[in-house]
Amino acid sequence: MRICGLEEQIHVIDNNVTVEEIIKDIVRTKEISDPFYIFDIGDLVYKAKIWQQKMPRIKPFYAVKCNDNSLALETLAAFGMSFDCASKAEIKKVLDLGVSPSRIIFANPAKMTSHIKYAMNQCVDLTTFDNELELYKIKSIHPTCNLVIRIRCDATETQCPLGIKYGCDPQTEAPGLISLARDLGLSIVGVSFHVGSGCNEPIAFRRAIAAAATIFRLAQQLGFMNMYLLNIGGGFPGNKNTSLDKISDVVNDALNEWFPPNSGVTIMAEPGRFFVASAFTLATKIHSIKRRSNDKDHIMYFINDGVYGSFNSILYDHSIVEPKPLNDYPMSPIT
């Protein structure tokens, strides 16, 4: 969705003005019938500073799939942010901003061959894998690519679990995959995991970091002596009134135990919602109301957006939407 035709424009607003007041001003002064977003760039900048304060060792690679708004990407790129891309289209969008391919990880363990070729041609040479076929594809198309094995370490409480789809079992599958990569002459340089999007179990990061340390040792025993990268994935909270403290405390302690600063291992992560969830506010309009004669307790409100648009996260991400009426008189006639 485009932001009301204003996607590439930045308006400097007084700090005392709230997002709600901005939206009210827009709907009062403009003829707008479509839903639109307000993007608070200051909130995004604030999140970047919070990340640096709470987890200074961890280099964030923003997960483009979370929100690929061009202005958000440009802002992050200006901060020197790196990017987690999952497709050819995402890689192209980031490269078109002038971002160096060295600041991109192709973090999709199941890639189309044409996308691998594109990554190779664009000098994107860091990617993830979690299965045998992926290794054979990479061997035939992009054999000099640096590889990161993705293991499965799920949190028990997440908004969107990902382990069913991605990640190999660190005990039963990872050893065979590492051996195959060695036999194919490929280069494994690190380990990655993703505890699940919207993680509500901070201790899951500790379990995953411990498991990753075991895989590091195994890979080194099998001849991969250039293991320099740990990718702790995503799962960091980003909504308003949420805190990074609990997760950052667990992560920092676990890293100091298994990957201390003198280990020489680079630590990265793939935060998405942490950076953008609170920065974007959606404005929609109630255009119809329906009352059923046999149901006196409920009223149906129809708005100009839905689950096939901005609210698809309700279906696919199990999100809980909290609407907030702008009108001081919610029961006033609809205009």
C-alpha atoms as a PDB file:
ATOM      1  CA  MET A   1       0.000   0.000   0.000  1.00  0.00           C
ATOM      2  CA  ARG A   2       1.294   3.469  -0.821  1.00  0.00           C
ATOM      3  CA  ILE A   3       1.117   6.015   1.936  1.00  0.00           C
ATOM      4  CA  CYS A   4      -1.561   8.313   0.634  1.00  0.00           C
ATOM      5  CA  GLY A   5       0.577   9.395  -2.299  1.00  0.00           C
ATOM      6  CA  LEU A   6       3.098  10.914   0.118  1.00  0.00           C
ATOM      7  CA  GLU A   7       5.430   7.950   0.410  1.00  0.00           C
ATOM      8  CA  GLU A   8       8.607   9.773  -0.553  1.00  0.00           C
ATOM      9  CA  GLN A   9       7.898  13.005   1.314  1.00  0.00           C
ATOM     10  CA  ILE A  10       9.076  13.870   4.799  1.00  0.00           C
ATOM     11  CA  HIS A  11       7.267  16.426   6.923  1.00  0.00           C
ATOM     12  CA  VAL A  12       8.946  17.894   9.993  1.00  0.00           C
ATOM     13  CA  ILE A  13       6.412  17.939  12.822  1.00  0.00           C
ATOM     14  CA  ASP A  14       6.655  19.557  16.244  1.00  0.00           C
ATOM     15  CA  ASN A  15       7.508  17.028  18.950  1.00  0.00           C
ATOM     16  CA  ASN A  16       4.395  17.959  20.905  1.00  0.00           C
ATOM     17  CA  VAL A  17       2.099  16.811  18.096  1.00  0.00           C
ATOM     18  CA  THR A  18       0.847  13.224  18.357  1.00  0.00           C
ATOM     19  CA  VAL A  19       0.304  10.782  15.503  1.00  0.00           C
ATOM     20  CA  GLU A  20      -3.424  10.868  16.240  1.00  0.00           C
ATOM     21  CA  GLU A  21      -3.453  14.643  15.811  1.00  0.00           C
ATOM     22  CA  ILE A  22      -1.605  14.346  12.510  1.00  0.00           C
ATOM     23  CA  ILE A  23      -4.141  11.823  11.221  1.00  0.00           C
ATOM     24  CA  LYS A  24      -7.030  14.007  12.344  1.00  0.00           C
ATOM     25  CA  ASP A  25      -5.534  16.951  10.493  1.00  0.00           C
ATOM     26  CA  ILE A  26      -5.090  14.890   7.325  1.00  0.00           C
ATOM     27  CA  VAL A  27      -8.649  13.555   7.261  1.00  0.00           C
ATOM     28  CA  ARG A  28     -10.040  16.983   8.098  1.00  0.00           C
ATOM     29  CA  THR A  29      -8.174  18.866   5.370  1.00  0.00           C
ATOM     30  CA  LYS A  30      -7.984  16.314   2.562  1.00  0.00           C
ATOM     31  CA  GLU A  31     -10.476  14.251   0.610  1.00  0.00           C
ATOM     32  CA  ILE A  32      -9.148  10.802   1.431  1.00  0.00           C
ATOM     33  CA  SER A  33     -11.190   7.646   1.013  1.00  0.00           C
ATOM     34  CA  ASP A  34      -8.347   5.116   1.070  1.00  0.00           C
ATOM     35  CA  PRO A  35      -6.518   3.814   4.138  1.00  0.00           C
ATOM     36  CA  PHE A  36      -3.082   5.283   4.738  1.00  0.00           C
ATOM     37  CA  TYR A  37      -0.074   4.994   7.037  1.00  0.00           C
ATOM     38  CA  ILE A  38       1.770   7.577   9.080  1.00  0.00           C
ATOM     39  CA  PHE A  39       5.466   6.718   9.351  1.00  0.00           C
ATOM     40  CA  ASP A  40       7.274   8.213  12.337  1.00  0.00           C
ATOM     41  CA  ILE A  41      10.907   8.327  11.209  1.00  0.00           C
ATOM     42  CA  GLY A  42      11.938   9.579  14.631  1.00  0.00           C
ATOM     43  CA  ASP A  43      10.648   6.365  16.186  1.00  0.00           C
ATOM     44  CA  LEU A  44      12.765   4.310  13.787  1.00  0.00           C
ATOM     45  CA  VAL A  45      15.851   6.370  14.642  1.00  0.00           C
ATOM     46  CA  TYR A  46      15.088   5.905  18.343  1.00  0.00           C
ATOM     47  CA  LYS A  47      14.911   2.126  17.891  1.00  0.00           C
ATOM     48  CA  ALA A  48      18.295   2.108  16.170  1.00  0.00           C
ATOM     49  CA  LYS A  49      19.792   3.918  19.161  1.00  0.00           C
ATOM     50  CA  ILE A  50      18.107   1.559  21.645  1.00  0.00           C
ATOM     51  CA  TRP A  51      19.519  -1.460  19.808  1.00  0.00           C
ATOM     52  CA  GLN A  52      23.029  -0.036  19.980  1.00  0.00           C
ATOM     53  CA  GLN A  53      22.630   0.689  23.688  1.00  0.00           C
ATOM     54  CA  LYS A  54      21.180  -2.684  24.656  1.00  0.00           C
ATOM     55  CA  MET A  55      23.139  -5.051  22.402  1.00  0.00           C
ATOM     56  CA  PRO A  56      26.220  -3.219  21.108  1.00  0.00           C
ATOM     57  CA  ARG A  57      28.001  -6.413  20.039  1.00  0.00           C
ATOM     58  CA  ILE A  58      25.202  -7.491  17.736  1.00  0.00           C
ATOM     59  CA  LYS A  59      25.108  -6.110  14.204  1.00  0.00           C
ATOM     60  CA  PRO A  60      21.495  -5.819  13.002  1.00  0.00           C
ATOM     61  CA  PHE A  61      20.563  -6.972   9.502  1.00  0.00           C
ATOM     62  CA  TYR A  62      17.063  -5.540   9.045  1.00  0.00           C
ATOM     63  CA  ALA A  63      14.561  -8.169   7.842  1.00  0.00           C
ATOM     64  CA  VAL A  64      13.222  -6.565   4.668  1.00  0.00           C
ATOM     65  CA  LYS A  65      10.288  -8.995   4.538  1.00  0.00           C
ATOM     66  CA  CYS A  66       8.846  -7.369   7.656  1.00  0.00           C
ATOM     67  CA  ASN A  67       8.228  -4.017   5.985  1.00  0.00           C
ATOM     68  CA  ASP A  68       9.858  -3.003   2.704  1.00  0.00           C
ATOM     69  CA  ASN A  69       8.667   0.596   2.726  1.00  0.00           C
ATOM     70  CA  SER A  70      11.205   2.498   0.643  1.00  0.00           C
ATOM     71  CA  LEU A  71      11.558   5.397   3.049  1.00  0.00           C
ATOM     72  CA  ALA A  72      12.123   3.040   5.978  1.00  0.00           C
ATOM     73  CA  LEU A  73      14.799   1.186   4.016  1.00  0.00           C
ATOM     74  CA  GLU A  74      16.456   4.453   2.990  1.00  0.00           C
ATOM     75  CA  THR A  75      16.509   5.615   6.605  1.00  0.00           C
ATOM     76  CA  LEU A  76      18.051   2.370   7.825  1.00  0.00           C
ATOM     77  CA  ALA A  77      20.566   2.375   4.985  1.00  0.00           C
ATOM     78  CA  ALA A  78      21.595   5.913   5.911  1.00  0.00           C
ATOM     79  CA  PHE A  79      22.372   4.624   9.401  1.00  0.00           C
ATOM     80  CA  GLY A  80      24.706   2.054   7.878  1.00  0.00           C
ATOM     81  CA  MET A  81      22.292  -0.789   8.568  1.00  0.00           C
ATOM     82  CA  SER A  82      22.808  -4.146   6.891  1.00  0.00           C
ATOM     83  CA  PHE A  83      19.915  -6.167   5.467  1.00  0.00           C
ATOM     84  CA  ASP A  84      18.401  -9.639   5.622  1.00  0.00           C
ATOM     85  CA  CYS A  85      16.878 -10.382   2.216  1.00  0.00           C
ATOM     86  CA  ALA A  86      14.817 -13.462   1.401  1.00  0.00           C
ATOM     87  CA  SER A  87      14.294 -13.082  -2.352  1.00  0.00           C
ATOM     88  CA  LYS A  88      15.634 -11.603  -5.569  1.00  0.00           C
ATOM     89  CA  ALA A  89      13.155  -8.729  -5.326  1.00  0.00           C
ATOM     90  CA  GLU A  90      14.291  -7.818  -1.817  1.00  0.00           C
ATOM     91  CA  ILE A  91      17.962  -7.954  -2.804  1.00  0.00           C
ATOM     92  CA  LYS A  92      17.294  -5.696  -5.801  1.00  0.00           C
ATOM     93  CA  LYS A  93      15.338  -3.214  -3.717  1.00  0.00           C
ATOM     94  CA  VAL A  94      18.186  -2.878  -1.228  1.00  0.00           C
ATOM     95  CA  LEU A  95      20.903  -2.704  -3.878  1.00  0.00           C
ATOM     96  CA  ASP A  96      18.949   0.001  -5.706  1.00  0.00           C
ATOM     97  CA  LEU A  97      19.417   2.168  -2.602  1.00  0.00           C
ATOM     98  CA  GLY A  98      23.158   2.027  -3.143  1.00  0.00           C
ATOM     99  CA  VAL A  99      23.772  -0.492  -0.367  1.00  0.00           C
ATOM    100  CA  SER A 100      26.888  -2.606  -0.824  1.00  0.00           C
ATOM    101  CA  PRO A 101      26.229  -6.333  -1.426  1.00  0.00           C
ATOM    102  CA  SER A 102      28.586  -6.989   1.494  1.00  0.00           C
ATOM    103  CA  ARG A 103      25.826  -5.617   3.749  1.00  0.00           C
ATOM    104  CA  ILE A 104      23.305  -8.259   2.616  1.00  0.00           C
ATOM    105  CA  ILE A 105      22.682 -11.795   3.807  1.00  0.00           C
ATOM    106  CA  PHE A 106      20.452 -13.926   1.572  1.00  0.00           C
ATOM    107  CA  ALA A 107      18.721 -15.455   4.588  1.00  0.00           C
ATOM    108  CA  ASN A 108      16.444 -17.969   2.918  1.00  0.00           C
ATOM    109  CA  PRO A 109      17.363 -21.656   3.354  1.00  0.00           C
ATOM    110  CA  ALA A 110      15.175 -22.682   0.396  1.00  0.00           C
ATOM    111  CA  LYS A 111      15.979 -20.466  -2.575  1.00  0.00           C
ATOM    112  CA  MET A 112      14.941 -20.604  -6.219  1.00  0.00           C
ATOM    113  CA  THR A 113      17.862 -21.329  -8.549  1.00  0.00           C
ATOM    114  CA  SER A 114      17.224 -18.122 -10.486  1.00  0.00           C
ATOM    115  CA  HIS A 115      17.481 -16.163  -7.242  1.00  0.00           C
ATOM    116  CA  ILE A 116      20.787 -17.832  -6.383  1.00  0.00           C
ATOM    117  CA  LYS A 117      22.094 -16.859  -9.826  1.00  0.00           C
ATOM    118  CA  TYR A 118      20.951 -13.280  -9.300  1.00  0.00           C
ATOM    119  CA  ALA A 119      22.669 -13.130  -5.916  1.00  0.00           C
ATOM    120  CA  MET A 120      25.877 -14.446  -7.464  1.00  0.00           C
ATOM    121  CA  ASN A 121      25.762 -11.892 -10.282  1.00  0.00           C
ATOM    122  CA  GLN A 122      25.232  -9.109  -7.743  1.00  0.00           C
ATOM    123  CA  CYS A 123      28.140 -10.309  -5.557  1.00  0.00           C
ATOM    124  CA  VAL A 124      25.891 -11.256  -2.647  1.00  0.00           C
ATOM    125  CA  ASP A 125      28.017 -14.036  -1.215  1.00  0.00           C
ATOM    126  CA  LEU A 126      26.526 -14.835   2.194  1.00  0.00           C
ATOM    127  CA  THR A 127      23.522 -17.145   2.498  1.00  0.00           C
ATOM    128  CA  THR A 128      21.840 -19.723   4.716  1.00  0.00           C
ATOM    129  CA  PHE A 129      20.971 -23.389   4.181  1.00  0.00           C
ATOM    130  CA  ASP A 130      19.264 -26.167   6.124  1.00  0.00           C
ATOM    131  CA  ASN A 131      18.926 -29.074   3.683  1.00  0.00           C
ATOM    132  CA  GLU A 132      20.892 -31.224   1.243  1.00  0.00           C
ATOM    133  CA  LEU A 133      19.260 -29.986  -1.969  1.00  0.00           C
ATOM    134  CA  GLU A 134      20.193 -26.416  -1.125  1.00  0.00           C
ATOM    135  CA  LEU A 135      23.837 -27.430  -0.875  1.00  0.00           C
ATOM    136  CA  TYR A 136      23.739 -29.089  -4.291  1.00  0.00           C
ATOM    137  CA  LYS A 137      22.074 -26.014  -5.827  1.00  0.00           C
ATOM    138  CA  ILE A 138      24.666 -23.703  -4.323  1.00  0.00           C
ATOM    139  CA  LYS A 139      27.485 -25.993  -5.442  1.00  0.00           C
ATOM    140  CA  SER A 140      26.314 -25.863  -9.063  1.00  0.00           C
ATOM    141  CA  ILE A 141      25.428 -22.147  -9.196  1.00  0.00           C
ATOM    142  CA  HIS A 142      27.366 -20.181  -6.579  1.00  0.00           C
ATOM    143  CA  PRO A 143      30.114 -22.475  -5.233  1.00  0.00           C
ATOM    144  CA  THR A 144      32.217 -19.677  -3.727  1.00  0.00           C
ATOM    145  CA  CYS A 145      29.357 -18.400  -1.579  1.00  0.00           C
ATOM    146  CA  ASN A 146      29.919 -18.299   2.177  1.00  0.00           C
ATOM    147  CA  LEU A 147      27.370 -20.484   3.949  1.00  0.00           C
ATOM    148  CA  VAL A 148      25.599 -20.269   7.288  1.00  0.00           C
ATOM    149  CA  ILE A 149      23.874 -23.411   8.527  1.00  0.00           C
ATOM    150  CA  ARG A 150      20.472 -22.689  10.046  1.00  0.00           C
ATOM    151  CA  ILE A 151      19.514 -24.866  12.998  1.00  0.00           C
ATOM    152  CA  ARG A 152      16.115 -25.242  14.598  1.00  0.00           C
ATOM    153  CA  CYS A 153      15.780 -23.969  18.166  1.00  0.00           C
ATOM    154  CA  ASP A 154      12.171 -22.939  18.724  1.00  0.00           C
ATOM    155  CA  ALA A 155      10.818 -20.869  21.571  1.00  0.00           C
ATOM    156  CA  THR A 156       7.731 -22.350  23.212  1.00  0.00           C
ATOM    157  CA  GLU A 157       5.934 -18.990  23.213  1.00  0.00           C
ATOM    158  CA  THR A 158       6.036 -17.101  19.917  1.00  0.00           C
ATOM    159  CA  GLN A 159       3.636 -15.064  17.859  1.00  0.00           C
ATOM    160  CA  CYS A 160       4.666 -16.885  14.701  1.00  0.00           C
ATOM    161  CA  PRO A 161       6.703 -20.129  15.020  1.00  0.00           C
ATOM    162  CA  LEU A 162       9.062 -20.748  12.103  1.00  0.00           C
ATOM    163  CA  GLY A 163      10.748 -24.023  13.041  1.00  0.00           C
ATOM    164  CA  ILE A 164       8.291 -26.216  11.168  1.00  0.00           C
ATOM    165  CA  LYS A 165       9.375 -24.556   7.942  1.00  0.00           C
ATOM    166  CA  TYR A 166      13.029 -23.644   8.467  1.00  0.00           C
ATOM    167  CA  GLY A 167      16.042 -24.961  10.331  1.00  0.00           C
ATOM    168  CA  CYS A 168      17.689 -28.372  10.591  1.00  0.00           C
ATOM    169  CA  ASP A 169      17.791 -30.430  13.765  1.00  0.00           C
ATOM    170  CA  PRO A 170      21.105 -29.565  15.440  1.00  0.00           C
ATOM    171  CA  GLN A 171      21.652 -33.129  16.638  1.00  0.00           C
ATOM    172  CA  THR A 172      20.261 -35.428  13.957  1.00  0.00           C
ATOM    173  CA  GLU A 173      20.588 -33.385  10.749  1.00  0.00           C
ATOM    174  CA  ALA A 174      23.305 -30.759  11.155  1.00  0.00           C
ATOM    175  CA  PRO A 175      26.263 -33.194  11.331  1.00  0.00           C
ATOM    176  CA  GLY A 176      25.328 -34.806   8.006  1.00  0.00           C
ATOM    177  CA  LEU A 177      24.802 -31.458   6.301  1.00  0.00           C
ATOM    178  CA  ILE A 178      28.140 -30.130   7.496  1.00  0.00           C
ATOM    179  CA  SER A 179      29.869 -33.284   6.261  1.00  0.00           C
ATOM    180  CA  LEU A 180      28.149 -32.974   2.873  1.00  0.00           C
ATOM    181  CA  ALA A 181      29.217 -29.339   2.551  1.00  0.00           C
ATOM    182  CA  ARG A 182      32.798 -30.416   3.251  1.00  0.00           C
ATOM    183  CA  ASP A 183      32.613 -33.180   0.643  1.00  0.00           C
ATOM    184  CA  LEU A 184      31.251 -30.689  -1.913  1.00  0.00           C
ATOM    185  CA  GLY A 185      34.083 -28.279  -1.224  1.00  0.00           C
ATOM    186  CA  LEU A 186      31.776 -25.537   0.047  1.00  0.00           C
ATOM    187  CA  SER A 187      32.594 -22.961   2.704  1.00  0.00           C
ATOM    188  CA  ILE A 188      30.616 -22.881   5.950  1.00  0.00           C
ATOM    189  CA  VAL A 189      31.421 -19.763   7.960  1.00  0.00           C
ATOM    190  CA  GLY A 190      28.712 -19.651  10.602  1.00  0.00           C
ATOM    191  CA  VAL A 191      25.542 -20.791  12.325  1.00  0.00           C
ATOM    192  CA  SER A 192      22.114 -19.175  12.418  1.00  0.00           C
ATOM    193  CA  PHE A 193      18.811 -19.776  14.162  1.00  0.00           C
ATOM    194  CA  HIS A 194      15.444 -18.068  14.602  1.00  0.00           C
ATOM    195  CA  VAL A 195      13.546 -18.761  17.820  1.00  0.00           C
ATOM    196  CA  GLY A 196      10.300 -17.500  16.264  1.00  0.00           C
ATOM    197  CA  SER A 197       8.772 -14.168  15.341  1.00  0.00           C
ATOM    198  CA  GLY A 198       7.420 -12.249  18.320  1.00  0.00           C
ATOM    199  CA  CYS A 199       9.250 -14.337  20.924  1.00  0.00           C
ATOM    200  CA  ASN A 200       7.746 -14.281  24.426  1.00  0.00           C
ATOM    201  CA  GLU A 201      10.290 -16.659  25.934  1.00  0.00           C
ATOM    202  CA  PRO A 202      13.640 -14.846  26.292  1.00  0.00           C
ATOM    203  CA  ILE A 203      15.414 -17.925  27.685  1.00  0.00           C
ATOM    204  CA  ALA A 204      14.935 -19.550  24.252  1.00  0.00           C
ATOM    205  CA  PHE A 205      17.805 -17.406  22.995  1.00  0.00           C
ATOM    206  CA  ARG A 206      20.090 -18.932  25.613  1.00  0.00           C
ATOM    207  CA  ARG A 207      19.196 -22.467  24.530  1.00  0.00           C
ATOM    208  CA  ALA A 208      19.755 -21.564  20.887  1.00  0.00           C
ATOM    209  CA  ILE A 209      23.098 -19.843  21.490  1.00  0.00           C
ATOM    210  CA  ALA A 210      24.304 -22.872  23.457  1.00  0.00           C
ATOM    211  CA  ALA A 211      23.228 -25.174  20.608  1.00  0.00           C
ATOM    212  CA  ALA A 212      24.995 -22.934  18.095  1.00  0.00           C
ATOM    213  CA  ALA A 213      28.222 -23.175  20.106  1.00  0.00           C
ATOM    214  CA  THR A 214      28.042 -26.967  19.815  1.00  0.00           C
ATOM    215  CA  ILE A 215      27.612 -26.704  16.039  1.00  0.00           C
ATOM    216  CA  PHE A 216      30.581 -24.333  15.856  1.00  0.00           C
ATOM    217  CA  ARG A 217      32.795 -26.927  17.525  1.00  0.00           C
ATOM    218  CA  LEU A 218      31.459 -29.693  15.291  1.00  0.00           C
ATOM    219  CA  ALA A 219      32.094 -27.696  12.112  1.00  0.00           C
ATOM    220  CA  GLN A 220      35.623 -26.918  13.224  1.00  0.00           C
ATOM    221  CA  GLN A 221      36.251 -30.591  13.968  1.00  0.00           C
ATOM    222  CA  LEU A 222      35.097 -31.393  10.430  1.00  0.00           C
ATOM    223  CA  GLY A 223      37.589 -28.974   8.928  1.00  0.00           C
ATOM    224  CA  PHE A 224      35.754 -25.649   8.754  1.00  0.00           C
ATOM    225  CA  MET A 225      38.300 -23.470  10.522  1.00  0.00           C
ATOM    226  CA  ASN A 226      36.907 -20.125   9.300  1.00  0.00           C
ATOM    227  CA  MET A 227      33.792 -20.152  11.485  1.00  0.00           C
ATOM    228  CA  TYR A 228      33.404 -16.462  12.242  1.00  0.00           C
ATOM    229  CA  LEU A 229      29.660 -15.671  12.189  1.00  0.00           C
ATOM    230  CA  LEU A 230      26.754 -16.287  14.580  1.00  0.00           C
ATOM    231  CA  ASN A 231      23.324 -15.131  13.408  1.00  0.00           C
ATOM    232  CA  ILE A 232      20.796 -15.062  16.273  1.00  0.00           C
ATOM    233  CA  GLY A 233      17.848 -14.315  13.956  1.00  0.00           C
ATOM    234  CA  GLY A 234      14.810 -12.298  14.980  1.00  0.00           C
ATOM    235  CA  GLY A 235      11.948 -12.448  17.461  1.00  0.00           C
ATOM    236  CA  PHE A 236      12.568  -9.098  19.165  1.00  0.00           C
ATOM    237  CA  PRO A 237       9.500  -7.143  20.364  1.00  0.00           C
ATOM    238  CA  GLY A 238       8.784  -3.838  18.671  1.00  0.00           C
ATOM    239  CA  ASN A 239       5.260  -2.729  19.515  1.00  0.00           C
ATOM    240  CA  LYS A 240       4.617   0.345  21.610  1.00  0.00           C
ATOM    241  CA  ASN A 241       5.049  -0.164  25.355  1.00  0.00           C
ATOM    242  CA  THR A 242       7.287  -3.209  24.905  1.00  0.00           C
ATOM    243  CA  SER A 243      10.864  -3.524  26.111  1.00  0.00           C
ATOM    244  CA  LEU A 244      13.987  -5.168  24.765  1.00  0.00           C
ATOM    245  CA  ASP A 245      15.509  -5.502  28.236  1.00  0.00           C
ATOM    246  CA  LYS A 246      14.576  -9.095  29.100  1.00  0.00           C
ATOM    247  CA  ILE A 247      15.782 -10.513  25.793  1.00  0.00           C
ATOM    248  CA  SER A 248      18.901  -8.354  25.652  1.00  0.00           C
ATOM    249  CA  ASP A 249      19.912  -9.421  29.175  1.00  0.00           C
ATOM    250  CA  VAL A 250      19.573 -13.113  28.276  1.00  0.00           C
ATOM    251  CA  VAL A 251      21.320 -12.711  24.920  1.00  0.00           C
ATOM    252  CA  ASN A 252      24.242 -10.693  26.271  1.00  0.00           C
ATOM    253  CA  ASP A 253      24.832 -13.142  29.127  1.00  0.00           C
ATOM    254  CA  ALA A 254      24.686 -16.155  26.796  1.00  0.00           C
ATOM    255  CA  LEU A 255      27.039 -14.558  24.287  1.00  0.00           C
ATOM    256  CA  ASN A 256      29.541 -13.722  27.000  1.00  0.00           C
ATOM    257  CA  GLU A 257      29.464 -17.368  28.093  1.00  0.00           C
ATOM    258  CA  TRP A 258      29.680 -19.143  24.722  1.00  0.00           C
ATOM    259  CA  PHE A 259      30.917 -16.451  22.311  1.00  0.00           C
ATOM    260  CA  PRO A 260      32.886 -13.913  24.381  1.00  0.00           C
ATOM    261  CA  PRO A 261      34.359 -10.832  22.703  1.00  0.00           C
ATOM    262  CA  ASN A 262      37.780 -12.476  22.450  1.00  0.00           C
ATOM    263  CA  SER A 263      36.315 -15.438  20.521  1.00  0.00           C
ATOM    264  CA  GLY A 264      36.690 -13.553  17.250  1.00  0.00           C
ATOM    265  CA  VAL A 265      33.098 -14.404  16.277  1.00  0.00           C
ATOM    266  CA  THR A 266      30.958 -11.696  14.674  1.00  0.00           C
ATOM    267  CA  ILE A 267      27.421 -11.603  16.060  1.00  0.00           C
ATOM    268  CA  MET A 268      24.512 -10.535  13.877  1.00  0.00           C
ATOM    269  CA  ALA A 269      20.727 -10.613  14.119  1.00  0.00           C
ATOM    270  CA  GLU A 270      17.737 -10.215  11.805  1.00  0.00           C
ATOM    271  CA  PRO A 271      15.330  -7.858  13.603  1.00  0.00           C
ATOM    272  CA  GLY A 272      12.258  -6.766  11.704  1.00  0.00           C
ATOM    273  CA  ARG A 273       9.301  -5.735  13.820  1.00  0.00           C
ATOM    274  CA  PHE A 274      11.630  -4.316  16.491  1.00  0.00           C
ATOM    275  CA  PHE A 275      12.522  -1.440  14.175  1.00  0.00           C
ATOM    276  CA  VAL A 276       9.233  -0.730  12.424  1.00  0.00           C
ATOM    277  CA  ALA A 277       6.257  -2.047  14.417  1.00  0.00           C
ATOM    278  CA  SER A 278       5.804   1.113  16.478  1.00  0.00           C
ATOM    279  CA  ALA A 279       6.886   3.489  13.712  1.00  0.00           C
ATOM    280  CA  PHE A 280       3.874   2.892  11.457  1.00  0.00           C
ATOM    281  CA  THR A 281       0.282   3.777  12.297  1.00  0.00           C
ATOM    282  CA  LEU A 282      -2.565   2.733   9.997  1.00  0.00           C
ATOM    283  CA  ALA A 283      -5.563   5.013   9.514  1.00  0.00           C
ATOM    284  CA  THR A 284      -8.755   3.440   8.194  1.00  0.00           C
ATOM    285  CA  LYS A 285     -12.301   4.652   7.782  1.00  0.00           C
ATOM    286  CA  ILE A 286     -15.578   3.077   8.856  1.00  0.00           C
ATOM    287  CA  HIS A 287     -17.819   3.311   5.824  1.00  0.00           C
ATOM    288  CA  SER A 288     -20.723   1.042   6.763  1.00  0.00           C
ATOM    289  CA  ILE A 289     -22.494  -0.360   9.812  1.00  0.00           C
ATOM    290  CA  LYS A 290     -24.677  -3.433   9.985  1.00  0.00           C
ATOM    291  CA  ARG A 291     -26.962  -4.532  12.798  1.00  0.00           C
ATOM    292  CA  ARG A 292     -28.611  -7.942  12.882  1.00  0.00           C
ATOM    293  CA  SER A 293     -32.133  -8.200  14.219  1.00  0.00           C
ATOM    294  CA  ASN A 294     -31.377 -11.420  16.119  1.00  0.00           C
ATOM    295  CA  ASP A 295     -28.208 -10.099  17.772  1.00  0.00           C
ATOM    296  CA  LYS A 296     -28.659  -7.114  20.053  1.00  0.00           C
ATOM    297  CA  ASP A 297     -25.155  -7.324  21.557  1.00  0.00           C
ATOM    298  CA  HIS A 298     -22.991  -6.923  18.457  1.00  0.00           C
ATOM    299  CA  ILE A 299     -22.602  -4.422  15.641  1.00  0.00           C
ATOM    300  CA  MET A 300     -20.646  -5.033  12.423  1.00  0.00           C
ATOM    301  CA  TYR A 301     -18.392  -2.189  11.303  1.00  0.00           C
ATOM    302  CA  PHE A 302     -17.017  -2.215   7.750  1.00  0.00           C
ATOM    303  CA  ILE A 303     -13.720  -0.422   7.123  1.00  0.00           C
ATOM    304  CA  ASN A 304     -11.734   0.318   3.961  1.00  0.00           C
ATOM    305  CA  ASP A 305      -9.002  -2.240   4.670  1.00  0.00           C
ATOM    306  CA  GLY A 306      -8.967  -5.901   5.622  1.00  0.00           C
ATOM    307  CA  VAL A 307      -7.207  -9.251   5.887  1.00  0.00           C
ATOM    308  CA  TYR A 308      -6.360  -9.176   2.181  1.00  0.00           C
ATOM    309  CA  GLY A 309      -4.577  -5.878   2.766  1.00  0.00           C
ATOM    310  CA  SER A 310      -2.958  -4.385   5.844  1.00  0.00           C
ATOM    311  CA  PHE A 311      -4.564  -6.858   8.233  1.00  0.00           C
ATOM    312  CA  ASN A 312      -3.161 -10.041   6.697  1.00  0.00           C
ATOM    313  CA  SER A 313      -1.018 -10.313   9.829  1.00  0.00           C
ATOM    314  CA  ILE A 314      -4.166 -11.455  11.631  1.00  0.00           C
ATOM    315  CA  LEU A 315      -4.238 -14.548   9.422  1.00  0.00           C
ATOM    316  CA  TYR A 316      -0.523 -15.212   9.011  1.00  0.00           C
ATOM    317  CA  ASP A 317       1.122 -13.666  12.066  1.00  0.00           C
ATOM    318  CA  HIS A 318      -1.600 -14.164  14.702  1.00  0.00           C
ATOM    319  CA  SER A 319      -1.484 -10.467  15.518  1.00  0.00           C
ATOM    320  CA  ILE A 320      -4.008  -8.794  17.790  1.00  0.00           C
ATOM    321  CA  VAL A 321      -5.193  -5.463  16.430  1.00  0.00           C
ATOM    322  CA  GLU A 322      -6.149  -2.732  18.885  1.00  0.00           C
ATOM    323  CA  PRO A 323      -8.325  -0.141  17.119  1.00  0.00           C
ATOM    324  CA  LYS A 324      -8.477   3.373  18.467  1.00  0.00           C
ATOM    325  CA  PRO A 325     -11.286   5.695  17.325  1.00  0.00           C
ATOM    326  CA  LEU A 326     -10.202   9.167  16.252  1.00  0.00           C
ATOM    327  CA  ASN A 327     -13.668  10.644  16.470  1.00  0.00           C
ATOM    328  CA  ASP A 328     -14.494  12.126  19.853  1.00  0.00           C
ATOM    329  CA  TYR A 329     -18.047  10.912  19.290  1.00  0.00           C
ATOM    330  CA  PRO A 330     -17.782   7.322  17.988  1.00  0.00           C
ATOM    331  CA  MET A 331     -21.527   7.041  17.457  1.00  0.00           C
ATOM    332  CA  SER A 332     -21.756  10.142  15.269  1.00  0.00           C
ATOM    333  CA  PRO A 333     -23.048   9.705  11.700  1.00  0.00           C
ATOM    334  CA  ILE A 334     -20.576   8.302   9.182  1.00  0.00           C
ATOM    335  CA  THR A 335     -19.369  10.740   6.543  1.00  0.00           C
END
